[in-house]
Protein backbone atom coordinates (compact mmCIF):
# COMPACT_ATOMS: atom_id res chain seq x y z
CA MET A 1 63.02 81.71 70.59
CA ILE A 2 61.98 79.86 67.56
CA LYS A 3 58.25 80.14 66.67
CA ARG A 4 56.51 76.87 66.39
CA VAL A 5 55.31 75.81 62.98
CA ALA A 6 51.76 75.20 62.86
CA ASP A 7 50.82 71.44 62.37
CA VAL A 8 48.92 71.98 59.09
CA THR A 9 51.95 73.79 57.71
CA LEU A 10 54.07 70.55 58.49
CA GLU A 11 51.23 68.34 56.96
CA ARG A 12 51.48 70.54 53.55
CA TYR A 13 55.40 70.00 53.82
CA HIS A 14 55.13 66.50 54.27
CA LEU A 15 52.64 66.33 51.04
CA ASN A 16 54.85 68.60 48.97
CA GLU A 17 51.85 71.22 48.84
CA LEU A 18 53.91 74.05 49.98
CA PRO A 19 55.25 76.76 47.59
CA PRO A 20 59.12 76.52 46.99
CA ARG A 21 59.86 79.50 49.46
CA GLU A 22 57.78 78.26 52.25
CA ARG A 23 59.11 74.75 51.58
CA ALA A 24 62.76 76.06 51.62
CA ARG A 25 62.01 77.91 54.95
CA ILE A 26 60.70 74.71 56.62
CA GLU A 27 63.93 72.81 55.56
CA LEU A 28 66.30 75.56 57.02
CA LEU A 29 64.15 75.54 60.15
CA SER A 30 64.47 71.68 60.52
CA LEU A 31 68.10 72.11 60.47
CA ASN A 32 68.11 74.75 63.22
CA ASP A 33 65.38 73.53 65.33
CA GLY A 34 65.40 70.00 66.77
CA ALA A 35 61.73 70.06 67.83
CA THR A 36 60.67 70.62 64.21
CA ARG A 37 62.91 67.82 63.00
CA LEU A 38 61.31 65.41 65.33
CA ARG A 39 57.74 66.53 64.36
CA ILE A 40 58.67 66.10 60.60
CA ALA A 41 60.17 62.43 61.40
CA ALA A 42 57.45 61.45 63.58
CA LEU A 43 54.88 62.50 60.81
CA ARG A 44 56.39 60.67 58.22
CA GLN A 45 56.81 57.32 60.31
CA SER A 46 53.25 57.53 61.74
CA ASN A 47 51.96 58.14 58.09
CA ALA A 48 53.55 55.20 56.81
CA GLU A 49 52.50 52.98 59.79
CA CYS A 50 48.82 54.23 59.15
CA ALA A 51 48.89 53.72 55.40
CA ALA A 52 50.13 50.07 55.99
CA ARG A 53 47.30 49.34 58.55
CA PHE A 54 44.52 51.00 57.09
CA PRO A 55 44.59 51.02 53.09
CA ALA A 56 42.79 54.17 51.90
CA ARG A 57 40.75 52.32 49.42
CA ASP A 58 39.62 49.61 52.01
CA LEU A 59 38.91 52.55 54.48
CA ALA A 60 36.79 54.46 51.90
CA ARG A 61 34.90 51.27 50.84
CA GLY A 62 33.80 50.73 54.32
CA ILE A 63 32.70 54.13 54.66
CA VAL A 64 30.84 53.95 51.54
CA GLU A 65 29.13 50.58 52.33
CA ARG A 66 27.93 52.13 55.62
CA LEU A 67 26.54 55.08 53.76
CA ALA A 68 24.66 52.88 51.22
CA ALA A 69 22.92 50.89 53.73
CA ASN A 70 20.87 53.83 54.51
CA HIS A 71 19.77 54.19 50.82
CA PRO A 72 17.38 52.22 48.94
CA PRO A 73 18.70 49.74 46.29
CA SER A 74 17.18 51.66 43.40
CA SER A 75 19.38 54.62 44.18
CA ARG A 76 22.37 53.09 45.16
CA SER A 77 24.35 52.96 41.93
CA LYS A 78 23.87 56.74 41.25
CA PHE A 79 24.77 57.60 44.89
CA ILE A 80 27.84 55.15 45.28
CA ARG A 81 29.69 55.57 42.03
CA PRO A 82 30.54 59.24 42.16
CA LEU A 83 30.97 59.05 45.98
CA LEU A 84 33.60 56.37 46.14
CA GLY A 85 36.32 58.65 44.51
CA VAL A 86 35.51 61.55 46.71
CA VAL A 87 35.76 59.30 49.93
CA VAL A 88 38.87 57.70 48.58
CA ALA A 89 40.52 61.16 48.54
CA ALA A 90 38.81 62.09 51.84
CA ALA A 91 40.38 58.88 53.44
CA VAL A 92 43.98 59.76 51.94
CA MET A 93 43.69 62.99 53.50
CA THR A 94 42.70 61.71 56.85
CA LEU A 95 45.53 59.06 56.98
CA ALA A 96 47.94 62.09 56.13
CA VAL A 97 46.59 64.51 58.82
CA TRP A 98 45.78 62.01 61.60
CA PRO A 99 49.43 61.31 62.56
CA SER A 100 50.12 64.70 63.29
CA LEU A 101 47.85 64.80 66.21
CA ARG A 102 50.25 62.08 67.86
CA SER A 103 53.25 63.85 67.13
CA SER A 104 52.49 67.44 67.91
CA ASP A 105 53.90 67.55 71.38
CA GLU A 106 57.18 65.99 70.29
CA ARG A 107 60.36 67.62 71.95
CA GLU A 108 64.07 67.34 71.51
CA LYS A 109 65.97 66.46 74.52
CA GLY A 110 68.74 68.82 74.55
CA SER A 111 70.78 70.01 71.55
CA ALA A 112 73.70 68.46 69.69
CA ALA A 113 75.65 68.30 66.42
CA GLY A 114 73.81 66.77 63.68
CA LEU A 115 73.64 65.60 60.14
CA SER A 116 70.46 66.17 57.98
CA ILE A 117 70.28 64.46 54.58
CA TYR A 118 67.75 65.81 51.88
CA ARG A 119 66.80 64.06 48.74
CA ASP A 120 65.67 65.89 45.64
CA THR A 121 62.34 64.97 44.24
CA PRO A 122 60.14 66.46 41.34
CA SER A 123 58.10 68.24 44.08
CA GLY A 124 60.74 69.60 46.32
CA SER A 125 63.59 68.32 48.70
CA GLU A 126 62.61 65.41 51.05
CA LEU A 127 64.27 65.11 54.57
CA LEU A 128 65.43 61.66 54.97
CA ALA A 129 65.68 59.54 58.35
CA ASP A 130 68.75 57.89 59.46
CA ASN A 131 68.90 54.39 57.67
CA ALA A 132 66.42 55.34 55.19
CA ILE A 133 66.12 53.56 51.95
CA ALA A 134 68.08 55.30 49.12
CA ARG A 135 68.83 54.15 45.18
CA SER A 136 71.22 54.89 42.54
CA GLY A 137 70.73 58.09 40.77
CA ASP A 138 68.95 59.71 44.00
CA ARG A 139 70.25 63.51 44.10
CA ILE A 140 71.46 63.92 47.91
CA ARG A 141 72.40 67.20 49.67
CA VAL A 142 73.93 67.23 53.07
CA GLY A 143 72.97 69.64 56.05
CA TYR A 144 74.86 70.27 59.28
CA ARG A 145 75.16 72.11 62.47
CA LEU A 146 77.30 72.00 65.68
CA ALA A 147 76.12 72.65 69.18
CA GLU A 148 79.01 74.91 69.78
CA HIS A 149 81.75 76.99 67.85
CA GLY A 150 84.15 74.60 66.18
CA TYR A 151 85.64 73.33 63.15
CA ALA A 152 84.22 70.34 61.07
CA VAL A 153 84.74 67.77 57.97
CA ILE A 154 82.08 65.89 56.40
CA VAL A 155 83.04 62.66 54.48
CA SER A 156 81.11 59.69 53.36
CA ILE A 157 81.98 56.14 52.39
CA ASP A 158 80.00 53.73 50.14
CA GLY A 159 79.83 50.09 49.82
CA ARG A 160 82.81 49.59 47.91
CA GLY A 161 84.99 51.51 50.38
CA VAL A 162 85.14 54.87 48.25
CA ILE A 163 85.50 57.86 50.41
CA SER A 164 83.92 61.34 49.35
CA GLN A 165 84.68 64.53 50.86
CA HIS A 166 81.80 66.88 51.29
CA LEU A 167 82.78 69.58 53.42
CA PRO A 168 84.99 71.45 52.60
CA ALA A 169 84.25 70.53 48.96
CA ASN A 170 87.96 71.06 48.27
CA GLY A 171 91.07 71.66 50.15
CA SER A 172 92.69 69.83 53.10
CA GLN A 173 91.61 71.82 56.24
CA SER A 174 88.43 71.86 58.12
CA VAL A 175 86.04 74.51 58.08
CA GLU A 176 85.02 76.96 60.85
CA ILE A 177 81.51 76.77 61.96
CA ALA A 178 79.56 79.30 64.20
CA SER A 179 77.85 77.94 67.40
CA ASP A 180 74.51 76.27 66.63
CA THR A 181 73.96 77.57 62.94
CA ALA A 182 72.74 75.16 60.56
CA GLN A 183 73.92 75.19 57.05
CA LEU A 184 73.93 73.31 53.88
CA VAL A 185 77.01 71.63 51.79
CA ASP A 186 77.31 73.99 48.55
CA ALA A 187 76.09 71.28 46.23
CA SER A 188 74.13 68.19 45.86
CA PHE A 189 75.68 65.11 44.43
CA GLU A 190 73.92 61.91 42.94
CA LEU A 191 74.36 58.45 44.56
CA ASP A 192 76.04 55.62 42.36
CA ASP A 193 75.25 52.16 42.07
CA ALA A 194 77.63 50.96 45.06
CA PRO A 195 75.68 48.46 47.14
CA ASP A 196 74.85 48.27 50.70
CA ILE A 197 75.34 51.28 53.10
CA GLU A 198 76.21 54.97 52.38
CA ARG A 199 77.26 56.21 55.54
CA PHE A 200 78.13 59.84 56.26
CA PHE A 201 80.57 61.27 59.03
CA LEU A 202 80.50 64.71 60.59
CA PHE A 203 83.90 65.25 62.48
CA SER A 204 84.23 68.21 64.68
CA SER A 205 86.76 69.71 67.11
CA PRO A 206 87.48 73.12 69.15
CA SER A 207 90.32 73.34 67.11
CA PRO A 208 91.32 73.02 63.33
CA PHE A 209 92.43 69.77 61.76
CA THR A 210 93.04 68.38 58.37
CA THR A 211 90.64 66.53 56.09
CA ASP A 212 93.27 63.73 56.21
CA THR A 213 92.68 63.11 59.69
CA ALA A 214 89.00 62.35 59.10
CA ILE A 215 89.48 60.43 55.98
CA GLY A 216 92.19 58.47 57.49
CA ALA A 217 89.98 57.20 60.35
CA VAL A 218 87.03 56.42 58.23
CA ARG A 219 89.52 54.39 55.81
CA LYS A 220 91.07 52.55 58.76
CA SER A 221 87.71 51.65 60.59
CA GLY A 222 86.31 50.51 57.36
CA GLY A 223 83.26 52.81 57.54
CA ARG A 224 82.17 51.34 61.13
CA ALA A 225 81.51 53.90 63.45
CA ASN A 226 82.33 52.01 66.48
CA HIS A 227 85.79 51.29 65.15
CA LEU A 228 86.88 55.00 64.72
CA THR A 229 90.12 55.92 66.38
CA LEU A 230 90.14 59.57 67.01
CA PRO A 231 91.90 62.30 69.07
CA SER A 232 90.06 63.03 72.53
CA SER A 233 89.13 66.47 71.43
CA MET A 234 87.30 65.17 68.12
CA ARG A 235 83.61 63.99 68.11
CA VAL A 236 81.77 62.32 65.31
CA VAL A 237 78.24 62.02 64.37
CA THR A 238 77.05 59.48 61.59
CA PHE A 239 74.25 59.05 59.23
CA SER A 240 73.49 56.21 57.06
CA LEU A 241 71.40 55.66 53.83
CA ARG A 242 70.50 51.74 53.01
CA LYS A 243 71.07 51.28 49.25
CA GLU A 244 68.66 49.48 47.30
CA PRO A 245 69.13 48.35 43.59
């Protein structure tokens, strides 16, 4: 049984405050544990919603104004000026921590094959949500897992219709994957300036198949998941990034 990660640890992960080794541990855990993955996604979404509704500086100014009302006018300037910076910082931390209280009881409903996409940042890797915004120059790494033992191929198609093969990095045969084991592809890659959508496909099957089977299906469908034509034994999972200039 996977030990539950403390809320404060996920909050520090979200704020890029964890040491590199601990951050890597959380990233691998998010690949293997759906509950952790959902908690991280909920934390990011709720934090964005709270920041939009309650800008930190406005929240801080309201707090300072209420505190200043209890001090005589002669002492307010000395009291408020240093306090404002402290309260702004505190308000930012409040907005970051509060959403975790809402997401702490999230659970994944069942287990299935999945794709996880990470973006490199100056402070570490960022786990992206499906349909997240991405830009030319972003460095991306792909994570994957299967619900049961099988064989897999991962490819992507960009807005110009160019198809890239990620798993295997080279070769024409699918890769054997152990049951329920999360892994990362060997190398990251940089997004180019292709427009619109960058869509990733994880193809899996109980038996080996060729990469041409996956690439041909993507090419024939034009990158549209609901237009894929596949053998009955094959399954597919998709993940999309929305490209901005």
